[in-house]
């Protein structure tokens, strides 16, 4: 193992692109080991109940459509009147557990949310079979109510915001991020040269997008580090008191630190808003349900915060592309639009006047929907109706638990926790059992591991003689294990990100052993230099 073993072209790639290159090396590894890819956050489990319920909606939707037209493979359209009664007659809850869930879900929506049965069932059925454009285009009416209640129950930690929140379903969390950056720019809420704060380490695109030429933003990093178990400190949060900082972007719990904001950190954020009341916050809470007693920043400072959420990780639905943007009805984004210079307001009048008689009254969340389809296609914007209904069904599997523990949530938490424990046991590293640790990812510092397993001199040898990617490349090329470069997430030199989501449980102990085995080979080479 010699200095300079890392291909030069890799050093210029992003973390995910480096990982793709590692795949090629690992599949033909020198030791003929089993290929293990713990680089991606895609879970290797799925929620079955919502998917089977979706199939039942499609089956009934086709049957009900045949009532109006039935020719060859052509069916007609569903009819509103009596559709709930027909659907209940179609279901057999005593013999089919999925039908039992659907009956319970309809009962919940009627009794707890006060939704009209015929209107709800028609929205669910038409949405599942996808026979119409999304109407309203931003979000289906009953869908918004159900999604709001899910977010409140799963992420708000007791804060009651469901009736005060607007939702825009999107093609996964990634689309939500793109739409937000674009609309903030189009509406002059962020401008080239503006300072934005980013809590690091963080999902790589949040570091990459602001630097693109079309945004040209100045990044202010709020650093978390392993000495503090990747918790953000009060001193770092205090940087936000600078009014020249326009926005804060966070992933909570963090990716890859896997740490949720503690109660003290949430309190500090609340204090900051009194010092910098115009601060815009975007929080990506996709991992929130994996942390104990989680509470979103949105629940603490809702007027200043946009919430991004995705169903992909919890429900094993990355291929479905199911995300959303949530925004309080009374929010600073709308307030700041009213304070823009008149020239900019006139420019935006021209932009949005083709879709509304009163462009200045168009709220920011509707601008998001319009901008997502270049304004001119606003009338056909919105997430596809089958995707919206899948979000509803995932939500209802949790909501029908009412005040009972959701066994599915618990099973997901326990699975990633077991894999986390196995990895740390193999590495002989003390696990972090604090409630803020979501355990979806682990960050392992190879330099720190070298010092604790051997000594400080060996650590200094590694730091002085090898590029930070060298261990990552050799782990793939020799041992067949693909991990991700933590530095690409802002975690610093020598850190490896390991996903506890996408491999069989028994593989995580093996990954830990492979890391130690390779580290031992580096140490053997080091010892040769001493003689």
Protein backbone atom coordinates (compact mmCIF):
# COMPACT_ATOMS: atom_id res chain seq x y z
CA UNK A 1 0.00 0.00 0.00
CA UNK A 2 1.70 3.13 -1.17
CA UNK A 3 0.93 6.78 -1.16
CA UNK A 4 -0.84 7.87 -4.34
CA UNK A 5 -2.83 4.66 -4.83
CA UNK A 6 -6.02 6.68 -5.29
CA UNK A 7 -6.85 7.43 -8.96
CA UNK A 8 -6.51 11.19 -9.40
CA UNK A 9 -9.89 11.47 -11.15
CA UNK A 10 -11.68 10.25 -8.01
CA UNK A 11 -10.56 13.21 -5.92
CA UNK A 12 -12.74 15.58 -7.95
CA UNK A 13 -15.95 13.54 -7.71
CA UNK A 14 -18.79 13.84 -5.23
CA UNK A 15 -19.33 11.26 -2.50
CA UNK A 16 -22.03 9.36 -4.40
CA UNK A 17 -20.05 9.36 -7.64
CA UNK A 18 -16.99 8.00 -5.81
CA UNK A 19 -19.20 5.27 -4.37
CA UNK A 20 -20.32 4.26 -7.88
CA UNK A 21 -16.67 3.90 -8.91
CA UNK A 22 -16.02 1.76 -5.82
CA UNK A 23 -18.73 -0.66 -6.94
CA UNK A 24 -16.70 -1.61 -10.01
CA UNK A 25 -13.64 -2.35 -7.89
CA UNK A 26 -15.48 -4.27 -5.19
CA UNK A 27 -17.31 -6.66 -7.49
CA UNK A 28 -13.93 -7.99 -8.70
CA UNK A 29 -12.09 -7.68 -5.40
CA UNK A 30 -8.66 -9.27 -5.01
CA UNK A 31 -9.62 -11.54 -2.10
CA UNK A 32 -12.72 -12.92 -3.86
CA UNK A 33 -14.77 -11.86 -0.84
CA UNK A 34 -18.52 -11.54 -0.87
CA UNK A 35 -19.45 -8.15 -2.34
CA UNK A 36 -20.94 -5.87 0.34
CA UNK A 37 -22.31 -2.44 -0.55
CA UNK A 38 -23.23 -0.41 2.53
CA UNK A 39 -22.87 2.86 0.69
CA UNK A 40 -26.48 3.71 -0.12
CA UNK A 41 -29.30 4.57 2.26
CA UNK A 42 -31.89 2.52 0.37
CA UNK A 43 -33.60 0.23 2.93
CA UNK A 44 -33.86 -3.49 2.22
CA UNK A 45 -37.33 -3.78 3.72
CA UNK A 46 -40.80 -2.72 2.57
CA UNK A 47 -44.12 -1.98 4.21
CA UNK A 48 -46.57 -4.61 2.93
CA UNK A 49 -49.88 -3.38 4.37
CA UNK A 50 -50.10 -0.12 2.42
CA UNK A 51 -49.00 -1.76 -0.83
CA UNK A 52 -51.58 -4.52 -0.57
CA UNK A 53 -54.24 -1.93 0.30
CA UNK A 54 -53.26 0.02 -2.83
CA UNK A 55 -53.86 -3.12 -4.89
CA UNK A 56 -57.33 -3.50 -3.37
CA UNK A 57 -58.17 0.10 -4.29
CA UNK A 58 -57.09 -0.54 -7.89
CA UNK A 59 -59.08 -3.78 -8.02
CA UNK A 60 -62.22 -2.09 -6.74
CA UNK A 61 -61.66 0.95 -8.96
CA UNK A 62 -61.64 -1.19 -12.08
CA UNK A 63 -64.71 -3.11 -10.94
CA UNK A 64 -66.60 0.09 -10.18
CA UNK A 65 -65.57 1.67 -13.49
CA UNK A 66 -67.08 -1.28 -15.35
CA UNK A 67 -70.51 -0.18 -14.12
CA UNK A 68 -70.50 2.72 -16.59
CA UNK A 69 -68.63 1.28 -19.59
CA UNK A 70 -67.71 -2.36 -20.18
CA UNK A 71 -66.34 -3.07 -23.66
CA UNK A 72 -63.40 -5.42 -24.29
CA UNK A 73 -60.58 -3.98 -22.11
CA UNK A 74 -62.37 -0.64 -21.79
CA UNK A 75 -63.93 0.40 -18.51
CA UNK A 76 -65.64 3.70 -17.80
CA UNK A 77 -65.59 5.99 -14.80
CA UNK A 78 -66.47 5.74 -11.15
CA UNK A 79 -69.51 7.56 -9.78
CA UNK A 80 -69.53 9.55 -6.56
CA UNK A 81 -72.96 8.69 -5.25
CA UNK A 82 -72.89 5.55 -3.11
CA UNK A 83 -69.24 4.71 -3.83
CA UNK A 84 -68.35 4.35 -0.15
CA UNK A 85 -71.19 1.86 0.36
CA UNK A 86 -70.15 -0.10 -2.73
CA UNK A 87 -66.55 -0.16 -1.53
CA UNK A 88 -67.52 -1.44 1.91
CA UNK A 89 -69.61 -4.17 0.26
CA UNK A 90 -66.56 -5.11 -1.83
CA UNK A 91 -64.36 -5.51 1.26
CA UNK A 92 -64.31 -8.65 3.38
CA UNK A 93 -62.69 -7.60 6.69
CA UNK A 94 -63.43 -10.88 8.46
CA UNK A 95 -61.40 -12.91 5.96
CA UNK A 96 -58.81 -10.41 4.71
CA UNK A 97 -56.54 -8.45 7.06
CA UNK A 98 -55.92 -5.78 4.40
CA UNK A 99 -59.65 -5.26 4.01
CA UNK A 100 -59.84 -5.01 7.80
CA UNK A 101 -57.21 -2.26 7.67
CA UNK A 102 -59.12 -0.39 4.95
CA UNK A 103 -62.36 -0.55 6.95
CA UNK A 104 -60.48 0.74 10.00
CA UNK A 105 -58.88 3.49 7.91
CA UNK A 106 -62.24 4.66 6.56
CA UNK A 107 -63.65 4.63 10.08
CA UNK A 108 -60.71 6.69 11.33
CA UNK A 109 -61.13 9.24 8.53
CA UNK A 110 -64.85 9.53 9.20
CA UNK A 111 -64.73 9.71 13.00
CA UNK A 112 -61.39 11.43 13.67
CA UNK A 113 -60.98 13.65 10.60
CA UNK A 114 -64.69 14.14 9.81
CA UNK A 115 -64.21 13.38 6.11
CA UNK A 116 -67.22 12.67 3.89
CA UNK A 117 -67.16 8.92 3.03
CA UNK A 118 -68.20 9.15 -0.64
CA UNK A 119 -65.80 12.00 -1.40
CA UNK A 120 -62.93 10.25 0.40
CA UNK A 121 -63.44 6.86 -1.26
CA UNK A 122 -63.78 8.42 -4.72
CA UNK A 123 -60.53 10.35 -4.17
CA UNK A 124 -58.74 7.20 -3.02
CA UNK A 125 -60.08 5.02 -5.82
CA UNK A 126 -59.73 7.49 -8.69
CA UNK A 127 -56.31 8.44 -7.36
CA UNK A 128 -55.13 4.83 -7.26
CA UNK A 129 -56.30 3.99 -10.78
CA UNK A 130 -54.93 7.33 -12.01
CA UNK A 131 -57.87 8.27 -14.23
CA UNK A 132 -57.60 12.05 -13.90
CA UNK A 133 -55.19 14.92 -13.41
CA UNK A 134 -54.48 15.90 -9.81
CA UNK A 135 -57.30 18.30 -8.84
CA UNK A 136 -56.54 20.57 -7.02
CA UNK A 137 -53.19 20.49 -8.76
CA UNK A 138 -51.01 21.08 -5.67
CA UNK A 139 -52.56 18.31 -3.57
CA UNK A 140 -55.81 16.33 -3.49
CA UNK A 141 -58.21 17.72 -0.90
CA UNK A 142 -58.63 14.79 1.49
CA UNK A 143 -55.02 13.76 0.90
CA UNK A 144 -53.78 17.04 2.37
CA UNK A 145 -55.85 16.54 5.52
CA UNK A 146 -54.58 12.98 6.06
CA UNK A 147 -50.94 13.83 5.34
CA UNK A 148 -51.14 16.74 7.75
CA UNK A 149 -52.41 14.51 10.53
CA UNK A 150 -49.63 11.97 9.84
CA UNK A 151 -46.90 14.62 10.03
CA UNK A 152 -48.36 15.95 13.27
CA UNK A 153 -48.44 12.50 14.86
CA UNK A 154 -45.08 11.26 13.58
CA UNK A 155 -42.85 14.37 13.66
CA UNK A 156 -44.21 17.22 15.77
CA UNK A 157 -43.73 15.83 19.27
CA UNK A 158 -47.10 17.02 20.53
CA UNK A 159 -47.31 20.36 18.71
CA UNK A 160 -50.71 20.73 17.02
CA UNK A 161 -50.06 22.14 13.57
CA UNK A 162 -52.13 19.91 11.28
CA UNK A 163 -54.87 22.47 10.78
CA UNK A 164 -52.38 25.28 10.14
CA UNK A 165 -50.16 23.59 7.55
CA UNK A 166 -50.21 23.46 3.74
CA UNK A 167 -48.70 20.53 1.83
CA UNK A 168 -47.21 20.08 -1.63
CA UNK A 169 -46.49 16.38 -2.42
CA UNK A 170 -43.38 15.93 -4.56
CA UNK A 171 -41.44 13.26 -6.44
CA UNK A 172 -39.43 12.28 -3.38
CA UNK A 173 -37.36 14.47 -1.08
CA UNK A 174 -34.86 15.18 -3.85
CA UNK A 175 -37.49 16.91 -6.00
CA UNK A 176 -38.58 18.88 -2.94
CA UNK A 177 -35.03 20.16 -2.48
CA UNK A 178 -34.72 21.17 -6.15
CA UNK A 179 -38.11 22.91 -6.16
CA UNK A 180 -37.27 24.83 -2.99
CA UNK A 181 -33.91 26.11 -4.21
CA UNK A 182 -35.45 27.15 -7.54
CA UNK A 183 -38.48 28.95 -6.10
CA UNK A 184 -36.44 30.71 -3.43
CA UNK A 185 -34.23 32.00 -6.25
CA UNK A 186 -37.06 32.87 -8.68
CA UNK A 187 -38.84 34.83 -5.95
CA UNK A 188 -35.72 36.73 -4.85
CA UNK A 189 -35.80 35.26 -1.34
CA UNK A 190 -32.23 34.10 -1.86
CA UNK A 191 -29.87 35.95 -4.17
CA UNK A 192 -26.30 35.43 -5.41
CA UNK A 193 -23.87 36.33 -2.65
CA UNK A 194 -26.36 35.68 0.17
CA UNK A 195 -25.10 33.79 3.18
CA UNK A 196 -26.81 30.52 4.00
CA UNK A 197 -25.98 28.32 6.97
CA UNK A 198 -25.63 24.54 6.63
CA UNK A 199 -25.40 22.13 9.54
CA UNK A 200 -22.60 19.69 8.69
CA UNK A 201 -22.09 16.85 8.14
CA UNK A 202 -25.06 16.82 5.79
CA UNK A 203 -26.53 15.10 2.72
CA UNK A 204 -24.08 16.02 -0.04
CA UNK A 205 -26.45 17.94 -2.38
CA UNK A 206 -27.06 20.55 0.33
CA UNK A 207 -23.35 21.36 0.08
CA UNK A 208 -23.14 21.13 -3.70
CA UNK A 209 -26.27 22.94 -4.91
CA UNK A 210 -25.58 26.35 -3.28
CA UNK A 211 -22.18 26.48 -4.97
CA UNK A 212 -23.64 26.08 -8.47
CA UNK A 213 -23.33 29.09 -10.74
CA UNK A 214 -27.09 29.67 -10.88
CA UNK A 215 -27.23 30.16 -7.08
CA UNK A 216 -23.72 31.32 -6.12
CA UNK A 217 -24.50 31.40 -2.39
CA UNK A 218 -21.99 31.84 0.41
CA UNK A 219 -21.98 28.88 2.78
CA UNK A 220 -21.62 29.32 6.54
CA UNK A 221 -21.00 25.93 8.12
CA UNK A 222 -22.43 24.99 11.51
CA UNK A 223 -20.12 22.13 12.37
CA UNK A 224 -20.93 19.07 14.41
CA UNK A 225 -18.12 16.64 15.22
CA UNK A 226 -17.60 13.17 16.61
CA UNK A 227 -16.22 14.46 19.92
CA UNK A 228 -19.75 15.64 20.67
CA UNK A 229 -21.38 12.55 19.10
CA UNK A 230 -22.33 14.72 16.09
CA UNK A 231 -24.60 16.92 18.22
CA UNK A 232 -24.72 20.58 17.26
CA UNK A 233 -23.48 22.89 20.02
CA UNK A 234 -25.04 26.11 21.28
CA UNK A 235 -21.98 28.04 20.04
CA UNK A 236 -22.53 26.83 16.49
CA UNK A 237 -26.22 27.66 16.60
CA UNK A 238 -25.36 31.14 17.87
CA UNK A 239 -23.75 31.88 14.48
CA UNK A 240 -27.33 32.21 13.19
CA UNK A 241 -27.86 35.39 15.20
CA UNK A 242 -26.04 37.22 12.39
CA UNK A 243 -28.89 38.83 10.40
CA UNK A 244 -26.83 38.64 7.20
CA UNK A 245 -27.45 34.86 7.25
CA UNK A 246 -30.62 34.47 5.20
CA UNK A 247 -31.34 30.75 5.52
CA UNK A 248 -30.47 27.58 7.40
CA UNK A 249 -30.50 24.12 5.77
CA UNK A 250 -30.55 21.06 8.02
CA UNK A 251 -31.18 17.33 7.84
CA UNK A 252 -32.69 16.20 11.12
CA UNK A 253 -31.74 13.53 12.18
CA UNK A 254 -28.57 14.23 10.27
CA UNK A 255 -27.22 12.34 7.29
CA UNK A 256 -24.66 10.92 7.89
CA UNK A 257 -24.29 11.74 11.59
CA UNK A 258 -27.70 10.16 12.32
CA UNK A 259 -28.28 12.62 15.18
CA UNK A 260 -31.58 14.34 15.94
CA UNK A 261 -31.53 17.84 17.39
CA UNK A 262 -31.67 17.56 21.17
CA UNK A 263 -34.18 19.46 23.27
CA UNK A 264 -31.47 21.96 24.19
CA UNK A 265 -30.60 22.49 20.51
CA UNK A 266 -34.27 23.08 19.66
CA UNK A 267 -34.47 25.61 22.48
CA UNK A 268 -31.42 27.42 21.09
CA UNK A 269 -33.00 27.54 17.63
CA UNK A 270 -36.12 29.07 19.16
CA UNK A 271 -33.98 31.73 20.85
CA UNK A 272 -32.16 32.51 17.61
CA UNK A 273 -35.41 33.44 15.88
CA UNK A 274 -35.87 36.29 18.37
CA UNK A 275 -32.45 37.60 17.27
CA UNK A 276 -32.81 36.88 13.54
CA UNK A 277 -36.58 36.86 12.95
CA UNK A 278 -36.29 36.73 9.15
CA UNK A 279 -34.21 33.55 9.15
CA UNK A 280 -35.59 30.98 6.70
CA UNK A 281 -35.17 27.35 7.80
CA UNK A 282 -35.48 24.28 5.61
CA UNK A 283 -35.49 21.02 7.58
CA UNK A 284 -35.31 17.61 5.91
CA UNK A 285 -36.82 15.16 8.43
CA UNK A 286 -36.79 11.91 6.45
CA UNK A 287 -35.12 10.01 9.32
CA UNK A 288 -37.23 11.52 12.08
CA UNK A 289 -39.22 8.39 12.86
CA UNK A 290 -36.04 6.43 13.66
CA UNK A 291 -35.15 8.64 16.65
CA UNK A 292 -36.80 8.33 20.05
CA UNK A 293 -39.24 11.12 21.00
CA UNK A 294 -38.34 13.07 17.88
CA UNK A 295 -39.52 16.65 17.44
CA UNK A 296 -39.03 18.58 14.23
CA UNK A 297 -37.64 22.10 14.12
CA UNK A 298 -40.86 22.87 12.24
CA UNK A 299 -42.79 22.12 15.44
CA UNK A 300 -40.69 24.63 17.39
CA UNK A 301 -40.45 27.56 14.96
CA UNK A 302 -43.14 26.76 12.35
CA UNK A 303 -43.53 30.28 10.98
CA UNK A 304 -39.88 30.34 9.86
CA UNK A 305 -39.58 26.74 8.70
CA UNK A 306 -40.28 24.68 5.61
CA UNK A 307 -40.48 20.96 6.29
CA UNK A 308 -39.29 18.42 3.74
CA UNK A 309 -40.30 14.82 4.33
CA UNK A 310 -40.02 11.57 2.38
CA UNK A 311 -41.72 8.21 2.89
CA UNK A 312 -38.83 6.44 1.16
CA UNK A 313 -36.71 5.28 4.09
CA UNK A 314 -39.32 4.27 6.67
CA UNK A 315 -41.62 2.48 4.24
CA UNK A 316 -39.01 1.11 1.83
CA UNK A 317 -40.36 3.18 -1.05
CA UNK A 318 -37.38 4.85 -2.75
CA UNK A 319 -38.63 3.65 -6.14
CA UNK A 320 -42.05 5.22 -5.59
CA UNK A 321 -40.51 8.75 -5.23
CA UNK A 322 -42.81 9.92 -2.42
CA UNK A 323 -42.00 13.20 -0.71
CA UNK A 324 -43.64 16.42 0.35
CA UNK A 325 -43.10 20.03 1.35
CA UNK A 326 -45.03 21.37 4.34
CA UNK A 327 -45.39 25.06 5.15
CA UNK A 328 -47.40 26.88 7.79
CA UNK A 329 -50.24 28.99 6.37
CA UNK A 330 -48.90 32.03 8.26
CA UNK A 331 -45.21 32.06 7.33
CA UNK A 332 -42.29 34.44 6.85
CA UNK A 333 -41.82 33.41 3.21
CA UNK A 334 -45.14 34.99 2.26
CA UNK A 335 -44.39 37.93 4.55
CA UNK A 336 -41.05 38.58 2.84
CA UNK A 337 -42.61 38.43 -0.61
CA UNK A 338 -44.69 41.45 0.38
CA UNK A 339 -41.54 43.35 1.38
CA UNK A 340 -39.66 42.87 -1.89
CA UNK A 341 -38.70 46.04 -3.81
CA UNK A 342 -41.43 47.20 -6.17
CA UNK A 343 -39.34 46.40 -9.26
CA UNK A 344 -38.99 42.78 -8.15
CA UNK A 345 -42.69 42.55 -7.28
CA UNK A 346 -43.58 43.79 -10.76
CA UNK A 347 -41.24 41.21 -12.28
CA UNK A 348 -43.02 38.48 -10.30
CA UNK A 349 -46.40 39.89 -11.31
CA UNK A 350 -45.41 39.27 -14.91
CA UNK A 351 -44.15 35.78 -14.07
CA UNK A 352 -47.34 34.59 -12.37
CA UNK A 353 -50.07 36.68 -14.02
CA UNK A 354 -50.80 33.92 -16.53
CA UNK A 355 -52.12 31.67 -13.73
CA UNK A 356 -53.90 34.12 -11.43
CA UNK A 357 -55.69 37.47 -11.56
CA UNK A 358 -53.92 38.54 -8.37
CA UNK A 359 -50.28 37.40 -8.61
CA UNK A 360 -49.26 39.30 -5.48
CA UNK A 361 -51.67 37.21 -3.44
CA UNK A 362 -50.24 33.92 -4.74
CA UNK A 363 -48.74 32.21 -1.66
CA UNK A 364 -45.24 30.80 -1.74
CA UNK A 365 -46.40 27.18 -1.64
CA UNK A 366 -48.51 27.72 -4.78
CA UNK A 367 -45.50 29.37 -6.40
CA UNK A 368 -43.56 26.19 -5.62
CA UNK A 369 -46.18 24.13 -7.48
CA UNK A 370 -46.24 26.58 -10.40
CA UNK A 371 -42.45 26.84 -10.66
CA UNK A 372 -42.16 23.05 -10.61
CA UNK A 373 -43.85 23.05 -14.03
CA UNK A 374 -42.31 26.29 -15.38
CA UNK A 375 -45.50 28.20 -14.47
CA UNK A 376 -47.14 27.67 -17.86
CA UNK A 377 -47.98 24.04 -17.00
CA UNK A 378 -49.27 24.88 -13.53
CA UNK A 379 -52.72 23.55 -14.47
CA UNK A 380 -51.20 20.07 -14.90
CA UNK A 381 -48.74 20.26 -12.03
CA UNK A 382 -48.84 18.13 -8.93
CA UNK A 383 -47.58 14.71 -7.97
CA UNK A 384 -49.29 11.86 -9.82
CA UNK A 385 -52.47 10.72 -8.08
CA UNK A 386 -51.28 7.10 -7.56
CA UNK A 387 -48.21 8.47 -5.75
CA UNK A 388 -50.38 10.75 -3.61
CA UNK A 389 -52.64 7.84 -2.64
CA UNK A 390 -49.61 5.71 -1.75
CA UNK A 391 -48.51 8.49 0.62
CA UNK A 392 -52.02 8.47 2.12
CA UNK A 393 -52.00 4.71 2.65
CA UNK A 394 -48.57 4.73 4.29
CA UNK A 395 -49.83 7.52 6.56
CA UNK A 396 -53.02 5.67 7.44
CA UNK A 397 -51.14 2.53 8.51
CA UNK A 398 -49.70 4.71 11.30
CA UNK A 399 -52.76 6.84 12.01
CA UNK A 400 -55.11 3.89 12.60
CA UNK A 401 -52.91 2.94 15.55
CA UNK A 402 -54.42 6.01 17.24
CA UNK A 403 -52.73 6.05 20.67
CA UNK A 404 -51.30 2.54 20.39
CA UNK A 405 -47.67 1.79 19.61
CA UNK A 406 -47.06 1.30 15.90
CA UNK A 407 -45.44 -2.15 15.68
CA UNK A 408 -44.11 -1.36 12.19
CA UNK A 409 -42.28 1.76 13.46
CA UNK A 410 -40.81 -0.31 16.29
CA UNK A 411 -39.71 -3.09 13.94
CA UNK A 412 -37.87 -0.59 11.70
CA UNK A 413 -36.16 1.06 14.67
CA UNK A 414 -35.13 -2.30 16.10
CA UNK A 415 -33.74 -3.54 12.79
CA UNK A 416 -31.37 -0.63 12.21
CA UNK A 417 -30.43 -0.65 15.91
CA UNK A 418 -29.45 -4.33 15.74
CA UNK A 419 -27.28 -3.73 12.68
CA UNK A 420 -25.70 -0.72 14.39
CA UNK A 421 -24.90 -2.83 17.46
CA UNK A 422 -23.38 -5.63 15.37
CA UNK A 423 -21.15 -3.23 13.45
CA UNK A 424 -19.88 -1.54 16.59
CA UNK A 425 -19.36 -4.86 18.35
CA UNK A 426 -17.20 -6.08 15.47
CA UNK A 427 -15.19 -2.84 15.49
CA UNK A 428 -14.93 -2.96 19.30
CA UNK A 429 -16.29 0.59 19.46
CA UNK A 430 -18.59 1.70 22.25
CA UNK A 431 -22.08 2.23 20.76
CA UNK A 432 -23.92 5.49 21.35
CA UNK A 433 -27.23 4.67 23.02
CA UNK A 434 -28.53 8.23 23.42
CA UNK A 435 -32.15 8.75 22.26
CA UNK A 436 -31.09 11.29 19.62
CA UNK A 437 -29.12 8.61 17.74
CA UNK A 438 -31.35 7.35 14.91
CA UNK A 439 -28.74 4.64 14.08
CA UNK A 440 -29.60 4.72 10.39
CA UNK A 441 -25.97 5.54 9.54
CA UNK A 442 -22.64 5.24 11.29
CA UNK A 443 -19.63 7.48 10.78
CA UNK A 444 -16.37 5.64 11.47
CA UNK A 445 -13.16 7.65 11.67
CA UNK A 446 -10.33 5.44 10.43
CA UNK A 447 -7.64 7.65 11.99
CA UNK A 448 -9.32 7.51 15.39
CA UNK A 449 -9.82 3.75 15.02
CA UNK A 450 -6.11 3.36 14.17
CA UNK A 451 -5.13 5.18 17.34
CA UNK A 452 -7.47 3.28 19.64
CA UNK A 453 -6.62 -0.13 18.12
CA UNK A 454 -2.87 0.53 17.90
CA UNK A 455 -1.28 3.87 18.88
CA UNK A 456 -0.97 7.57 18.04
CA UNK A 457 2.18 7.06 15.95
CA UNK A 458 0.33 4.71 13.61
CA UNK A 459 -2.44 7.26 13.25
CA UNK A 460 0.07 9.96 12.31
CA UNK A 461 1.65 7.57 9.80
CA UNK A 462 -1.70 7.05 8.05
CA UNK A 463 -2.50 10.76 8.00
CA UNK A 464 0.91 11.68 6.65
CA UNK A 465 1.28 8.98 4.00
CA UNK A 466 -2.14 8.25 2.52
CA UNK A 467 -4.84 10.27 0.81
CA UNK A 468 -8.10 10.21 2.79
CA UNK A 469 -9.68 8.09 0.03
CA UNK A 470 -6.95 5.47 0.07
CA UNK A 471 -8.55 3.28 2.74
CA UNK A 472 -11.90 3.50 0.97
CA UNK A 473 -10.40 2.41 -2.36
CA UNK A 474 -8.48 -0.49 -0.84
CA UNK A 475 -11.51 -1.64 1.13
CA UNK A 476 -13.39 -1.98 -2.15
CA UNK A 477 -10.54 -3.21 -4.34
CA UNK A 478 -9.08 -5.76 -1.92
CA UNK A 479 -11.93 -6.66 0.46
CA UNK A 480 -15.03 -6.09 -1.67
CA UNK A 481 -16.68 -3.66 0.77
CA UNK A 482 -18.17 -0.39 -0.51
CA UNK A 483 -18.67 2.45 1.95
CA UNK A 484 -18.99 6.19 1.37
CA UNK A 485 -16.51 8.97 1.90
CA UNK A 486 -17.63 10.99 4.93
CA UNK A 487 -15.61 13.98 3.80
CA UNK A 488 -18.05 14.43 0.92
CA UNK A 489 -20.74 15.06 3.55
CA UNK A 490 -18.58 17.54 5.43
CA UNK A 491 -17.54 15.05 8.11
CA UNK A 492 -13.78 15.52 7.73
CA UNK A 493 -10.80 13.42 6.66
CA UNK A 494 -10.76 9.75 7.37
CA UNK A 495 -14.46 9.25 8.01
CA UNK A 496 -16.46 6.47 6.38
CA UNK A 497 -20.26 6.48 6.18
CA UNK A 498 -21.93 3.12 6.67
CA UNK A 499 -25.63 2.65 6.01
CA UNK A 500 -27.38 0.29 8.42
CA UNK A 501 -30.33 0.00 6.05
CA UNK A 502 -29.47 -1.81 2.86
CA UNK A 503 -27.75 -5.12 3.70
CA UNK A 504 -28.78 -8.32 5.50
CA UNK A 505 -28.26 -7.96 9.25
CA UNK A 506 -25.52 -10.58 9.45
CA UNK A 507 -23.35 -8.59 7.02
CA UNK A 508 -22.73 -5.70 9.40
CA UNK A 509 -20.56 -7.72 11.77
CA UNK A 510 -18.64 -8.91 8.70
CA UNK A 511 -18.13 -5.32 7.49
CA UNK A 512 -16.67 -4.40 10.87
CA UNK A 513 -14.26 -7.35 10.66
CA UNK A 514 -13.23 -6.43 7.11
CA UNK A 515 -12.44 -2.86 8.20
CA UNK A 516 -10.23 -4.14 11.04
CA UNK A 517 -8.57 -6.68 8.76
CA UNK A 518 -7.58 -4.01 6.25
CA UNK A 519 -6.46 -1.68 9.02
CA UNK A 520 -4.26 -4.50 10.26
CA UNK A 521 -2.61 -4.73 6.83
CA UNK A 522 -1.85 -1.01 6.92
CA UNK A 523 -0.37 -1.52 10.37
CA UNK A 524 1.81 -4.40 9.15
CA UNK A 525 3.20 -2.14 6.42
CA UNK A 526 3.77 0.59 8.99
CA UNK A 527 5.77 -1.77 11.21
CA UNK A 528 8.07 -2.56 8.29
CA UNK A 529 9.01 1.11 8.13
CA UNK A 530 10.22 0.97 11.73
CA UNK A 531 13.04 -1.50 10.97
